[in-house]
């Protein structure tokens, strides 16, 4: 568990990364808990990807509106001059899980393959965000 000593300054890129990692940990851990709805696993995978991209934008001083749209956030990254890898673009498929997953409004039930894909995409986006922020800090 992350304690208060490990928390980054509120609003910093690192704080966004801590939140993203926590969501990824929740998504992964929830898969092993009987009785957890797949939609809730997918919600936390989406939150990880969303917060990871927001961390990159914060690190670049790019303002963004309140949104769950990974597409909008990826577009802002591109406008800021970042090369957005394919897996970040593919992670837009997680966006419906932000609301639909929370309120059980997804059109089809999620299977194990869907959850594997959601967690894999989220982990990839988080790793990319960490690399982007580390390389910017080293510049």
Foldseek 3Di string as FASTA:
>chain_A
DDDPVNADDPPALRNLLVQLVVLLVCLVVLVPDPPDANLSSLQSLLSSLQSLLVSLCSLLVHDDDPDSQLVVSVVSCVVSPDDDDPLSVVLSVSSCSNPCSVVVNDPDGDDPVNSVSSSVSSVVSSVVSVVSNVVVVVD
